[in-house]
Amino acid sequence: MSRAEAERELAALHRLGGHLLCWGEPHYPPALAAVEDAPPVLSILGRPELLRAPMVAVVGARNASANGRRLAREIAASLGDSGVVVVSGMARGIDAAAHNGALATGSVAVVAAGIDMVYPPEHRDLYEALARDGAVAAELPFGTEPQARHFPRRNRIISGMSLGVVVVEAAARSGSLITARFALEQGREVFAVPGSPLDPRARGPNDLLRQGAVLTENAADILAHLGPALQAGLPPLAPRGEAPPLLLGRRAGAPPFVEPTPVADDDALALIVERLGATPVAVDELVRQCQMSASAVASLLLELELAGRIERHPGNLVSLR
């Protein structure tokens, strides 16, 4: 890149409200700085002081179940309330749920494109919320479109920033398992949430558990295991403007990001099926996550039941057959 091109990119980044963060500068993530192939420069939107705080990555399947999304959101929220910044990749499913859970206390998204590219496009609201209340980081130059080969590079930054990586749901071959592999190579802890062997989305975490990952059911499991690292004197978060440091408790008034509501009937049916798995989930939880009326969800579940695709359970729970 020529000097003129670099100056144009920097000017475009500044117009977006971002800036460059170089290796060795005060806000460069300390855990990432210790990685052999740490990026020399990151583009940053949002609050760079979050990058100095202790971080834990929460990653998983894009076609996550309702239970998986709920657990990722709850784990991320509890980590945030304990002073840990949650980092993920802003993908559909588990990533979005994790960001949503920790948005009020501080969450960082590492993207597999230029800092100005919103991917997936339906996460525009999440991107803007992170750029305002959290942070967005990118290694690739301004204007770079997301491509398949960029995601593994992004994943090694996610694990490199973190003290540990939590895998909630993941197929046998998935990007989340690539992140876990990078974590092991970088000397990070790997946590895995067990799942039903009947659900292919549980194959990845269950395999990680067989290989020695830490069995994880809630944030307390993570905090207990990382206790010494979390107490190792990592710098606290700096205040945002006049606000107090955000190490404990949630900041009031930060709106949660909610994924958009599908409109077409076929899309709505697919959304219901995506959030179902072998583990029963409450119908009320489907209504909340899918942002549909209770009557619409009931109608779609009836259609699936008549087709023999779901099973009803006591307590108004349903699961895939």
C-alpha atoms as a PDB file:
ATOM      1  CA  MET A   1       0.000   0.000   0.000  1.00  0.00           C
ATOM      2  CA  SER A   2       1.330   3.442  -0.944  1.00  0.00           C
ATOM      3  CA  ARG A   3       1.488   6.332   1.489  1.00  0.00           C
ATOM      4  CA  ALA A   4      -1.365   8.070  -0.365  1.00  0.00           C
ATOM      5  CA  GLU A   5      -3.554   4.952  -0.120  1.00  0.00           C
ATOM      6  CA  ALA A   6      -2.788   4.617   3.573  1.00  0.00           C
ATOM      7  CA  GLU A   7      -3.704   8.244   4.189  1.00  0.00           C
ATOM      8  CA  ARG A   8      -6.991   7.822   2.308  1.00  0.00           C
ATOM      9  CA  GLU A   9      -7.855   4.734   4.353  1.00  0.00           C
ATOM     10  CA  LEU A  10      -6.995   6.495   7.594  1.00  0.00           C
ATOM     11  CA  ALA A  11      -9.127   9.494   6.635  1.00  0.00           C
ATOM     12  CA  ALA A  12     -12.067   7.189   5.815  1.00  0.00           C
ATOM     13  CA  LEU A  13     -11.653   5.422   9.145  1.00  0.00           C
ATOM     14  CA  HIS A  14     -11.661   8.757  10.998  1.00  0.00           C
ATOM     15  CA  ARG A  15     -14.824   9.823   9.163  1.00  0.00           C
ATOM     16  CA  LEU A  16     -16.461   6.639  10.439  1.00  0.00           C
ATOM     17  CA  GLY A  17     -15.437   7.595  13.967  1.00  0.00           C
ATOM     18  CA  GLY A  18     -12.720   4.957  14.279  1.00  0.00           C
ATOM     19  CA  HIS A  19      -8.975   4.925  14.657  1.00  0.00           C
ATOM     20  CA  LEU A  20      -5.965   2.652  14.261  1.00  0.00           C
ATOM     21  CA  LEU A  21      -4.499   0.790  17.221  1.00  0.00           C
ATOM     22  CA  CYS A  22      -0.913  -0.414  16.844  1.00  0.00           C
ATOM     23  CA  TRP A  23       0.889  -3.216  18.660  1.00  0.00           C
ATOM     24  CA  GLY A  24       2.649  -1.744  21.680  1.00  0.00           C
ATOM     25  CA  GLU A  25       0.173   1.086  22.234  1.00  0.00           C
ATOM     26  CA  PRO A  26      -1.529   1.300  25.654  1.00  0.00           C
ATOM     27  CA  HIS A  27      -4.958   0.019  24.562  1.00  0.00           C
ATOM     28  CA  TYR A  28      -3.669  -2.892  22.464  1.00  0.00           C
ATOM     29  CA  PRO A  29      -5.101  -6.099  24.029  1.00  0.00           C
ATOM     30  CA  PRO A  30      -2.374  -7.453  26.343  1.00  0.00           C
ATOM     31  CA  ALA A  31      -3.275 -11.108  25.769  1.00  0.00           C
ATOM     32  CA  LEU A  32      -3.236 -10.646  21.983  1.00  0.00           C
ATOM     33  CA  ALA A  33       0.103  -8.812  22.141  1.00  0.00           C
ATOM     34  CA  ALA A  34       1.691 -12.006  23.490  1.00  0.00           C
ATOM     35  CA  VAL A  35       0.563 -14.081  20.469  1.00  0.00           C
ATOM     36  CA  GLU A  36       3.290 -14.803  17.931  1.00  0.00           C
ATOM     37  CA  ASP A  37       1.259 -13.713  14.891  1.00  0.00           C
ATOM     38  CA  ALA A  38      -0.585 -10.829  16.558  1.00  0.00           C
ATOM     39  CA  PRO A  39      -1.777  -8.268  14.006  1.00  0.00           C
ATOM     40  CA  PRO A  40       0.495  -5.208  14.020  1.00  0.00           C
ATOM     41  CA  VAL A  41      -2.462  -2.875  13.463  1.00  0.00           C
ATOM     42  CA  LEU A  42      -6.172  -3.077  14.288  1.00  0.00           C
ATOM     43  CA  SER A  43      -8.948  -0.765  13.155  1.00  0.00           C
ATOM     44  CA  ILE A  44     -11.207   0.077  16.097  1.00  0.00           C
ATOM     45  CA  LEU A  45     -14.679   1.531  16.499  1.00  0.00           C
ATOM     46  CA  GLY A  46     -16.108   2.274  19.920  1.00  0.00           C
ATOM     47  CA  ARG A  47     -14.393   2.132  23.283  1.00  0.00           C
ATOM     48  CA  PRO A  48     -10.734   1.065  22.990  1.00  0.00           C
ATOM     49  CA  GLU A  49     -10.366   0.839  26.776  1.00  0.00           C
ATOM     50  CA  LEU A  50     -12.464  -2.332  26.690  1.00  0.00           C
ATOM     51  CA  LEU A  51      -9.591  -4.057  24.904  1.00  0.00           C
ATOM     52  CA  ARG A  52      -7.419  -3.730  28.017  1.00  0.00           C
ATOM     53  CA  ALA A  53      -9.878  -5.567  30.251  1.00  0.00           C
ATOM     54  CA  PRO A  54      -9.865  -9.345  30.851  1.00  0.00           C
ATOM     55  CA  MET A  55     -11.799 -10.990  28.009  1.00  0.00           C
ATOM     56  CA  VAL A  56     -13.512 -14.315  27.433  1.00  0.00           C
ATOM     57  CA  ALA A  57     -14.751 -15.434  24.010  1.00  0.00           C
ATOM     58  CA  VAL A  58     -18.197 -16.980  23.599  1.00  0.00           C
ATOM     59  CA  VAL A  59     -18.690 -18.619  20.195  1.00  0.00           C
ATOM     60  CA  GLY A  60     -20.875 -21.241  18.575  1.00  0.00           C
ATOM     61  CA  ALA A  61     -23.251 -22.291  15.844  1.00  0.00           C
ATOM     62  CA  ARG A  62     -24.923 -19.842  13.486  1.00  0.00           C
ATOM     63  CA  ASN A  63     -28.053 -22.040  13.333  1.00  0.00           C
ATOM     64  CA  ALA A  64     -28.171 -22.200  17.121  1.00  0.00           C
ATOM     65  CA  SER A  65     -31.098 -23.596  19.064  1.00  0.00           C
ATOM     66  CA  ALA A  66     -33.270 -21.452  21.307  1.00  0.00           C
ATOM     67  CA  ASN A  67     -31.717 -23.080  24.373  1.00  0.00           C
ATOM     68  CA  GLY A  68     -28.227 -22.489  23.032  1.00  0.00           C
ATOM     69  CA  ARG A  69     -28.916 -18.812  22.354  1.00  0.00           C
ATOM     70  CA  ARG A  70     -30.458 -18.363  25.769  1.00  0.00           C
ATOM     71  CA  LEU A  71     -27.514 -20.015  27.513  1.00  0.00           C
ATOM     72  CA  ALA A  72     -24.976 -17.971  25.531  1.00  0.00           C
ATOM     73  CA  ARG A  73     -26.823 -14.773  26.430  1.00  0.00           C
ATOM     74  CA  GLU A  74     -27.010 -15.696  30.122  1.00  0.00           C
ATOM     75  CA  ILE A  75     -23.351 -16.736  30.317  1.00  0.00           C
ATOM     76  CA  ALA A  76     -22.268 -13.523  28.604  1.00  0.00           C
ATOM     77  CA  ALA A  77     -24.437 -11.378  30.883  1.00  0.00           C
ATOM     78  CA  SER A  78     -23.041 -13.041  34.017  1.00  0.00           C
ATOM     79  CA  LEU A  79     -19.464 -12.677  32.755  1.00  0.00           C
ATOM     80  CA  GLY A  80     -20.113  -9.010  32.071  1.00  0.00           C
ATOM     81  CA  ASP A  81     -21.565  -8.479  35.527  1.00  0.00           C
ATOM     82  CA  SER A  82     -18.348  -9.967  36.928  1.00  0.00           C
ATOM     83  CA  GLY A  83     -16.123  -7.494  35.100  1.00  0.00           C
ATOM     84  CA  VAL A  84     -15.209  -9.669  32.108  1.00  0.00           C
ATOM     85  CA  VAL A  85     -15.537  -8.305  28.568  1.00  0.00           C
ATOM     86  CA  VAL A  86     -17.154 -10.808  26.184  1.00  0.00           C
ATOM     87  CA  VAL A  87     -15.612 -11.085  22.719  1.00  0.00           C
ATOM     88  CA  SER A  88     -17.175 -12.852  19.732  1.00  0.00           C
ATOM     89  CA  GLY A  89     -17.435 -12.642  15.954  1.00  0.00           C
ATOM     90  CA  MET A  90     -20.803 -10.906  15.382  1.00  0.00           C
ATOM     91  CA  ALA A  91     -22.102 -13.914  13.430  1.00  0.00           C
ATOM     92  CA  ARG A  92     -25.668 -15.167  13.537  1.00  0.00           C
ATOM     93  CA  GLY A  93     -26.780 -17.423  16.362  1.00  0.00           C
ATOM     94  CA  ILE A  94     -24.512 -17.858  19.394  1.00  0.00           C
ATOM     95  CA  ASP A  95     -22.244 -14.899  18.578  1.00  0.00           C
ATOM     96  CA  ALA A  96     -25.151 -12.451  18.392  1.00  0.00           C
ATOM     97  CA  ALA A  97     -26.688 -13.860  21.579  1.00  0.00           C
ATOM     98  CA  ALA A  98     -23.377 -13.460  23.435  1.00  0.00           C
ATOM     99  CA  HIS A  99     -22.929  -9.868  22.280  1.00  0.00           C
ATOM    100  CA  ASN A 100     -26.516  -9.114  23.217  1.00  0.00           C
ATOM    101  CA  GLY A 101     -26.046 -10.538  26.698  1.00  0.00           C
ATOM    102  CA  ALA A 102     -22.914  -8.494  27.409  1.00  0.00           C
ATOM    103  CA  LEU A 103     -23.751  -5.322  25.509  1.00  0.00           C
ATOM    104  CA  ALA A 104     -24.674  -3.388  28.634  1.00  0.00           C
ATOM    105  CA  THR A 105     -21.369  -4.123  30.357  1.00  0.00           C
ATOM    106  CA  GLY A 106     -19.027  -4.176  27.393  1.00  0.00           C
ATOM    107  CA  SER A 107     -18.626  -6.519  24.433  1.00  0.00           C
ATOM    108  CA  VAL A 108     -16.090  -6.639  21.595  1.00  0.00           C
ATOM    109  CA  ALA A 109     -16.760  -7.930  18.074  1.00  0.00           C
ATOM    110  CA  VAL A 110     -13.889  -9.006  15.833  1.00  0.00           C
ATOM    111  CA  VAL A 111     -15.031  -8.940  12.212  1.00  0.00           C
ATOM    112  CA  ALA A 112     -13.737 -10.844   9.187  1.00  0.00           C
ATOM    113  CA  ALA A 113     -13.830  -7.828   6.869  1.00  0.00           C
ATOM    114  CA  GLY A 114     -13.010  -4.148   6.847  1.00  0.00           C
ATOM    115  CA  ILE A 115     -14.236  -2.237   9.884  1.00  0.00           C
ATOM    116  CA  ASP A 116     -16.842  -0.487   7.709  1.00  0.00           C
ATOM    117  CA  MET A 117     -18.434  -3.706   6.425  1.00  0.00           C
ATOM    118  CA  VAL A 118     -21.472  -5.017   8.304  1.00  0.00           C
ATOM    119  CA  TYR A 119     -21.722  -8.790   8.005  1.00  0.00           C
ATOM    120  CA  PRO A 120     -24.204 -10.358   8.150  1.00  0.00           C
ATOM    121  CA  PRO A 121     -26.185  -7.360   6.880  1.00  0.00           C
ATOM    122  CA  GLU A 122     -29.120  -7.964   9.242  1.00  0.00           C
ATOM    123  CA  HIS A 123     -26.801  -7.234  12.176  1.00  0.00           C
ATOM    124  CA  ARG A 124     -26.623  -3.528  11.364  1.00  0.00           C
ATOM    125  CA  ASP A 125     -28.325  -2.650  14.674  1.00  0.00           C
ATOM    126  CA  LEU A 126     -25.932  -4.884  16.604  1.00  0.00           C
ATOM    127  CA  TYR A 127     -22.941  -3.376  14.806  1.00  0.00           C
ATOM    128  CA  GLU A 128     -24.085   0.141  15.665  1.00  0.00           C
ATOM    129  CA  ALA A 129     -24.774  -0.795  19.290  1.00  0.00           C
ATOM    130  CA  LEU A 130     -21.310  -2.331  19.624  1.00  0.00           C
ATOM    131  CA  ALA A 131     -19.679   0.679  17.973  1.00  0.00           C
ATOM    132  CA  ARG A 132     -21.466   2.906  20.488  1.00  0.00           C
ATOM    133  CA  ASP A 133     -21.424   0.915  23.753  1.00  0.00           C
ATOM    134  CA  GLY A 134     -18.750  -1.705  23.072  1.00  0.00           C
ATOM    135  CA  ALA A 135     -16.080  -2.044  20.423  1.00  0.00           C
ATOM    136  CA  VAL A 136     -15.628  -3.441  16.923  1.00  0.00           C
ATOM    137  CA  ALA A 137     -12.147  -4.547  15.801  1.00  0.00           C
ATOM    138  CA  ALA A 138     -10.825  -5.513  12.369  1.00  0.00           C
ATOM    139  CA  GLU A 139      -7.425  -6.555  11.072  1.00  0.00           C
ATOM    140  CA  LEU A 140      -8.295  -6.193   7.396  1.00  0.00           C
ATOM    141  CA  PRO A 141      -8.100  -2.881   5.521  1.00  0.00           C
ATOM    142  CA  PHE A 142     -11.000  -0.470   5.297  1.00  0.00           C
ATOM    143  CA  GLY A 143     -13.454  -1.539   2.606  1.00  0.00           C
ATOM    144  CA  THR A 144     -12.443  -5.234   2.502  1.00  0.00           C
ATOM    145  CA  GLU A 145     -15.410  -7.489   1.730  1.00  0.00           C
ATOM    146  CA  PRO A 146     -15.882 -10.615   3.902  1.00  0.00           C
ATOM    147  CA  GLN A 147     -14.582 -13.796   2.276  1.00  0.00           C
ATOM    148  CA  ALA A 148     -14.338 -17.383   3.526  1.00  0.00           C
ATOM    149  CA  ARG A 149     -10.561 -17.263   3.894  1.00  0.00           C
ATOM    150  CA  HIS A 150     -10.808 -14.261   6.230  1.00  0.00           C
ATOM    151  CA  PHE A 151     -12.733 -16.055   8.978  1.00  0.00           C
ATOM    152  CA  PRO A 152      -9.913 -18.267  10.313  1.00  0.00           C
ATOM    153  CA  ARG A 153      -7.710 -15.154  10.554  1.00  0.00           C
ATOM    154  CA  ARG A 154     -10.502 -13.445  12.489  1.00  0.00           C
ATOM    155  CA  ASN A 155     -10.884 -16.473  14.757  1.00  0.00           C
ATOM    156  CA  ARG A 156      -7.249 -16.472  15.859  1.00  0.00           C
ATOM    157  CA  ILE A 157      -7.684 -12.838  16.985  1.00  0.00           C
ATOM    158  CA  ILE A 158     -10.808 -13.732  18.983  1.00  0.00           C
ATOM    159  CA  SER A 159      -8.959 -16.495  20.833  1.00  0.00           C
ATOM    160  CA  GLY A 160      -5.796 -14.420  21.114  1.00  0.00           C
ATOM    161  CA  MET A 161      -7.603 -11.579  22.881  1.00  0.00           C
ATOM    162  CA  SER A 162      -9.194 -13.953  25.363  1.00  0.00           C
ATOM    163  CA  LEU A 163      -8.199 -15.778  28.517  1.00  0.00           C
ATOM    164  CA  GLY A 164     -10.506 -18.584  27.430  1.00  0.00           C
ATOM    165  CA  VAL A 165     -12.920 -19.628  24.684  1.00  0.00           C
ATOM    166  CA  VAL A 166     -16.416 -20.944  25.458  1.00  0.00           C
ATOM    167  CA  VAL A 167     -18.047 -23.112  22.773  1.00  0.00           C
ATOM    168  CA  VAL A 168     -21.803 -23.360  23.264  1.00  0.00           C
ATOM    169  CA  GLU A 169     -22.979 -25.215  20.145  1.00  0.00           C
ATOM    170  CA  ALA A 170     -20.981 -26.254  17.092  1.00  0.00           C
ATOM    171  CA  ALA A 171     -21.170 -28.887  14.383  1.00  0.00           C
ATOM    172  CA  ALA A 172     -18.356 -31.403  13.962  1.00  0.00           C
ATOM    173  CA  ARG A 173     -16.667 -29.123  11.416  1.00  0.00           C
ATOM    174  CA  SER A 174     -17.217 -25.483  12.186  1.00  0.00           C
ATOM    175  CA  GLY A 175     -15.449 -22.186  12.608  1.00  0.00           C
ATOM    176  CA  SER A 176     -16.021 -22.347  16.348  1.00  0.00           C
ATOM    177  CA  LEU A 177     -13.821 -25.434  16.566  1.00  0.00           C
ATOM    178  CA  ILE A 178     -11.153 -23.570  14.599  1.00  0.00           C
ATOM    179  CA  THR A 179     -11.308 -20.875  17.271  1.00  0.00           C
ATOM    180  CA  ALA A 180     -10.951 -23.557  19.955  1.00  0.00           C
ATOM    181  CA  ARG A 181      -7.924 -25.020  18.164  1.00  0.00           C
ATOM    182  CA  PHE A 182      -6.295 -21.605  17.990  1.00  0.00           C
ATOM    183  CA  ALA A 183      -7.018 -21.176  21.699  1.00  0.00           C
ATOM    184  CA  LEU A 184      -5.168 -24.390  22.516  1.00  0.00           C
ATOM    185  CA  GLU A 185      -2.219 -23.393  20.328  1.00  0.00           C
ATOM    186  CA  GLN A 186      -2.102 -20.023  22.090  1.00  0.00           C
ATOM    187  CA  GLY A 187      -2.209 -21.582  25.550  1.00  0.00           C
ATOM    188  CA  ARG A 188      -5.751 -20.457  26.327  1.00  0.00           C
ATOM    189  CA  GLU A 189      -8.414 -22.360  28.237  1.00  0.00           C
ATOM    190  CA  VAL A 190     -11.208 -24.041  26.283  1.00  0.00           C
ATOM    191  CA  PHE A 191     -14.686 -24.398  27.806  1.00  0.00           C
ATOM    192  CA  ALA A 192     -17.487 -26.439  26.280  1.00  0.00           C
ATOM    193  CA  VAL A 193     -21.203 -26.667  27.024  1.00  0.00           C
ATOM    194  CA  PRO A 194     -22.402 -30.290  26.780  1.00  0.00           C
ATOM    195  CA  GLY A 195     -25.428 -31.112  24.681  1.00  0.00           C
ATOM    196  CA  SER A 196     -27.678 -33.943  23.608  1.00  0.00           C
ATOM    197  CA  PRO A 197     -25.972 -36.534  21.372  1.00  0.00           C
ATOM    198  CA  LEU A 198     -29.148 -36.428  19.256  1.00  0.00           C
ATOM    199  CA  ASP A 199     -28.441 -32.814  18.282  1.00  0.00           C
ATOM    200  CA  PRO A 200     -25.672 -32.397  15.651  1.00  0.00           C
ATOM    201  CA  ARG A 201     -24.979 -28.941  17.092  1.00  0.00           C
ATOM    202  CA  ALA A 202     -23.713 -30.646  20.263  1.00  0.00           C
ATOM    203  CA  ARG A 203     -21.135 -32.746  18.417  1.00  0.00           C
ATOM    204  CA  GLY A 204     -18.424 -30.090  18.543  1.00  0.00           C
ATOM    205  CA  PRO A 205     -18.639 -29.238  22.267  1.00  0.00           C
ATOM    206  CA  ASN A 206     -19.017 -32.906  23.216  1.00  0.00           C
ATOM    207  CA  ASP A 207     -15.881 -33.783  21.230  1.00  0.00           C
ATOM    208  CA  LEU A 208     -14.021 -30.946  22.949  1.00  0.00           C
ATOM    209  CA  LEU A 209     -15.072 -32.356  26.320  1.00  0.00           C
ATOM    210  CA  ARG A 210     -13.659 -35.757  25.353  1.00  0.00           C
ATOM    211  CA  GLN A 211     -10.385 -33.990  24.567  1.00  0.00           C
ATOM    212  CA  GLY A 212     -10.197 -32.322  27.968  1.00  0.00           C
ATOM    213  CA  ALA A 213     -12.149 -29.064  27.643  1.00  0.00           C
ATOM    214  CA  VAL A 214     -13.683 -27.684  30.839  1.00  0.00           C
ATOM    215  CA  LEU A 215     -17.308 -28.763  31.216  1.00  0.00           C
ATOM    216  CA  THR A 216     -19.343 -25.573  31.432  1.00  0.00           C
ATOM    217  CA  GLU A 217     -22.935 -25.052  32.482  1.00  0.00           C
ATOM    218  CA  ASN A 218     -22.806 -21.408  33.564  1.00  0.00           C
ATOM    219  CA  ALA A 219     -20.503 -18.436  33.999  1.00  0.00           C
ATOM    220  CA  ALA A 220     -19.541 -19.566  37.513  1.00  0.00           C
ATOM    221  CA  ASP A 221     -17.730 -22.566  35.991  1.00  0.00           C
ATOM    222  CA  ILE A 222     -15.672 -20.211  33.821  1.00  0.00           C
ATOM    223  CA  LEU A 223     -14.946 -17.678  36.548  1.00  0.00           C
ATOM    224  CA  ALA A 224     -13.883 -20.383  38.995  1.00  0.00           C
ATOM    225  CA  HIS A 225     -11.468 -21.903  36.494  1.00  0.00           C
ATOM    226  CA  LEU A 226     -10.030 -18.557  35.376  1.00  0.00           C
ATOM    227  CA  GLY A 227      -9.866 -17.095  38.886  1.00  0.00           C
ATOM    228  CA  PRO A 228      -6.054 -16.752  39.076  1.00  0.00           C
ATOM    229  CA  ALA A 229      -5.811 -15.237  35.597  1.00  0.00           C
ATOM    230  CA  LEU A 230      -8.618 -12.776  36.309  1.00  0.00           C
ATOM    231  CA  GLN A 231      -6.814 -11.662  39.463  1.00  0.00           C
ATOM    232  CA  ALA A 232      -3.442 -11.279  37.757  1.00  0.00           C
ATOM    233  CA  GLY A 233      -3.627  -7.509  37.740  1.00  0.00           C
ATOM    234  CA  LEU A 234      -5.010  -6.767  34.279  1.00  0.00           C
ATOM    235  CA  PRO A 235      -5.879  -3.058  34.012  1.00  0.00           C
ATOM    236  CA  PRO A 236      -9.478  -2.091  34.876  1.00  0.00           C
ATOM    237  CA  LEU A 237     -11.770  -0.465  32.354  1.00  0.00           C
ATOM    238  CA  ALA A 238     -11.363   3.253  31.905  1.00  0.00           C
ATOM    239  CA  PRO A 239     -14.450   5.470  32.341  1.00  0.00           C
ATOM    240  CA  ARG A 240     -16.490   6.322  29.266  1.00  0.00           C
ATOM    241  CA  GLY A 241     -16.857  10.070  29.261  1.00  0.00           C
ATOM    242  CA  GLU A 242     -18.265  11.021  32.664  1.00  0.00           C
ATOM    243  CA  ALA A 243     -19.557   7.506  33.373  1.00  0.00           C
ATOM    244  CA  PRO A 244     -17.947   5.397  36.122  1.00  0.00           C
ATOM    245  CA  PRO A 245     -15.764   2.382  35.241  1.00  0.00           C
ATOM    246  CA  LEU A 246     -17.873  -0.548  34.099  1.00  0.00           C
ATOM    247  CA  LEU A 247     -16.409  -3.408  36.080  1.00  0.00           C
ATOM    248  CA  LEU A 248     -19.473  -4.395  38.069  1.00  0.00           C
ATOM    249  CA  GLY A 249     -23.156  -4.131  37.286  1.00  0.00           C
ATOM    250  CA  ARG A 250     -24.888  -3.196  34.063  1.00  0.00           C
ATOM    251  CA  ARG A 251     -25.161   0.226  32.606  1.00  0.00           C
ATOM    252  CA  ALA A 252     -28.787   1.265  32.634  1.00  0.00           C
ATOM    253  CA  GLY A 253     -30.444   2.275  29.422  1.00  0.00           C
ATOM    254  CA  ALA A 254     -28.331   0.291  26.942  1.00  0.00           C
ATOM    255  CA  PRO A 255     -30.917  -1.207  24.583  1.00  0.00           C
ATOM    256  CA  PRO A 256     -30.573  -4.922  23.913  1.00  0.00           C
ATOM    257  CA  PHE A 257     -30.035  -5.981  20.327  1.00  0.00           C
ATOM    258  CA  VAL A 258     -32.767  -8.235  19.000  1.00  0.00           C
ATOM    259  CA  GLU A 259     -32.467 -10.119  15.759  1.00  0.00           C
ATOM    260  CA  PRO A 260     -34.973  -9.068  13.090  1.00  0.00           C
ATOM    261  CA  THR A 261     -38.337 -10.765  12.708  1.00  0.00           C
ATOM    262  CA  PRO A 262     -38.864 -12.841   9.584  1.00  0.00           C
ATOM    263  CA  VAL A 263     -41.973 -11.880   7.636  1.00  0.00           C
ATOM    264  CA  ALA A 264     -42.691 -14.679   5.183  1.00  0.00           C
ATOM    265  CA  ASP A 265     -44.436 -17.808   6.529  1.00  0.00           C
ATOM    266  CA  ASP A 266     -41.729 -20.106   5.176  1.00  0.00           C
ATOM    267  CA  ASP A 267     -39.052 -17.971   6.840  1.00  0.00           C
ATOM    268  CA  ALA A 268     -40.998 -17.972  10.104  1.00  0.00           C
ATOM    269  CA  LEU A 269     -41.304 -21.752  10.003  1.00  0.00           C
ATOM    270  CA  ALA A 270     -37.582 -22.094   9.284  1.00  0.00           C
ATOM    271  CA  LEU A 271     -36.832 -19.768  12.190  1.00  0.00           C
ATOM    272  CA  ILE A 272     -38.847 -21.967  14.572  1.00  0.00           C
ATOM    273  CA  VAL A 273     -37.114 -25.138  13.341  1.00  0.00           C
ATOM    274  CA  GLU A 274     -33.682 -23.508  13.647  1.00  0.00           C
ATOM    275  CA  ARG A 275     -34.273 -22.788  17.320  1.00  0.00           C
ATOM    276  CA  LEU A 276     -35.463 -26.301  18.104  1.00  0.00           C
ATOM    277  CA  GLY A 277     -33.281 -29.275  18.913  1.00  0.00           C
ATOM    278  CA  ALA A 278     -33.353 -32.590  20.729  1.00  0.00           C
ATOM    279  CA  THR A 279     -33.478 -30.805  24.087  1.00  0.00           C
ATOM    280  CA  PRO A 280     -37.004 -29.548  24.922  1.00  0.00           C
ATOM    281  CA  VAL A 281     -37.477 -25.778  24.941  1.00  0.00           C
ATOM    282  CA  ALA A 282     -40.335 -23.709  26.351  1.00  0.00           C
ATOM    283  CA  VAL A 283     -42.851 -22.387  23.840  1.00  0.00           C
ATOM    284  CA  ASP A 284     -42.717 -19.018  25.637  1.00  0.00           C
ATOM    285  CA  GLU A 285     -38.982 -18.885  24.914  1.00  0.00           C
ATOM    286  CA  LEU A 286     -39.664 -19.453  21.203  1.00  0.00           C
ATOM    287  CA  VAL A 287     -42.211 -16.641  21.239  1.00  0.00           C
ATOM    288  CA  ARG A 288     -39.681 -14.295  22.862  1.00  0.00           C
ATOM    289  CA  GLN A 289     -36.726 -15.164  20.629  1.00  0.00           C
ATOM    290  CA  CYS A 290     -38.649 -15.290  17.353  1.00  0.00           C
ATOM    291  CA  GLN A 291     -40.549 -12.047  18.068  1.00  0.00           C
ATOM    292  CA  MET A 292     -43.829 -13.518  16.899  1.00  0.00           C
ATOM    293  CA  SER A 293     -47.187 -13.574  18.583  1.00  0.00           C
ATOM    294  CA  ALA A 294     -48.025 -16.573  20.735  1.00  0.00           C
ATOM    295  CA  SER A 295     -50.811 -17.493  18.323  1.00  0.00           C
ATOM    296  CA  ALA A 296     -48.439 -17.418  15.327  1.00  0.00           C
ATOM    297  CA  VAL A 297     -45.924 -19.664  17.106  1.00  0.00           C
ATOM    298  CA  ALA A 298     -48.705 -22.020  18.192  1.00  0.00           C
ATOM    299  CA  SER A 299     -49.936 -22.265  14.607  1.00  0.00           C
ATOM    300  CA  LEU A 300     -46.459 -23.021  13.268  1.00  0.00           C
ATOM    301  CA  LEU A 301     -45.834 -25.614  15.982  1.00  0.00           C
ATOM    302  CA  LEU A 302     -49.114 -27.292  15.124  1.00  0.00           C
ATOM    303  CA  GLU A 303     -48.034 -27.461  11.492  1.00  0.00           C
ATOM    304  CA  LEU A 304     -44.743 -29.073  12.526  1.00  0.00           C
ATOM    305  CA  GLU A 305     -46.540 -31.460  14.891  1.00  0.00           C
ATOM    306  CA  LEU A 306     -48.930 -32.610  12.164  1.00  0.00           C
ATOM    307  CA  ALA A 307     -45.921 -33.209   9.926  1.00  0.00           C
ATOM    308  CA  GLY A 308     -44.379 -35.374  12.641  1.00  0.00           C
ATOM    309  CA  ARG A 309     -41.352 -33.116  13.066  1.00  0.00           C
ATOM    310  CA  ILE A 310     -41.750 -32.085  16.708  1.00  0.00           C
ATOM    311  CA  GLU A 311     -42.620 -33.730  19.995  1.00  0.00           C
ATOM    312  CA  ARG A 312     -44.603 -32.164  22.842  1.00  0.00           C
ATOM    313  CA  HIS A 313     -43.452 -32.463  26.452  1.00  0.00           C
ATOM    314  CA  PRO A 314     -45.049 -31.640  29.832  1.00  0.00           C
ATOM    315  CA  GLY A 315     -44.697 -28.014  30.917  1.00  0.00           C
ATOM    316  CA  ASN A 316     -45.440 -26.591  27.441  1.00  0.00           C
ATOM    317  CA  LEU A 317     -42.073 -27.754  26.078  1.00  0.00           C
ATOM    318  CA  VAL A 318     -41.323 -28.887  22.534  1.00  0.00           C
ATOM    319  CA  SER A 319     -38.392 -30.515  20.763  1.00  0.00           C
ATOM    320  CA  LEU A 320     -37.503 -31.854  17.332  1.00  0.00           C
ATOM    321  CA  ARG A 321     -38.119 -35.559  16.743  1.00  0.00           C
END
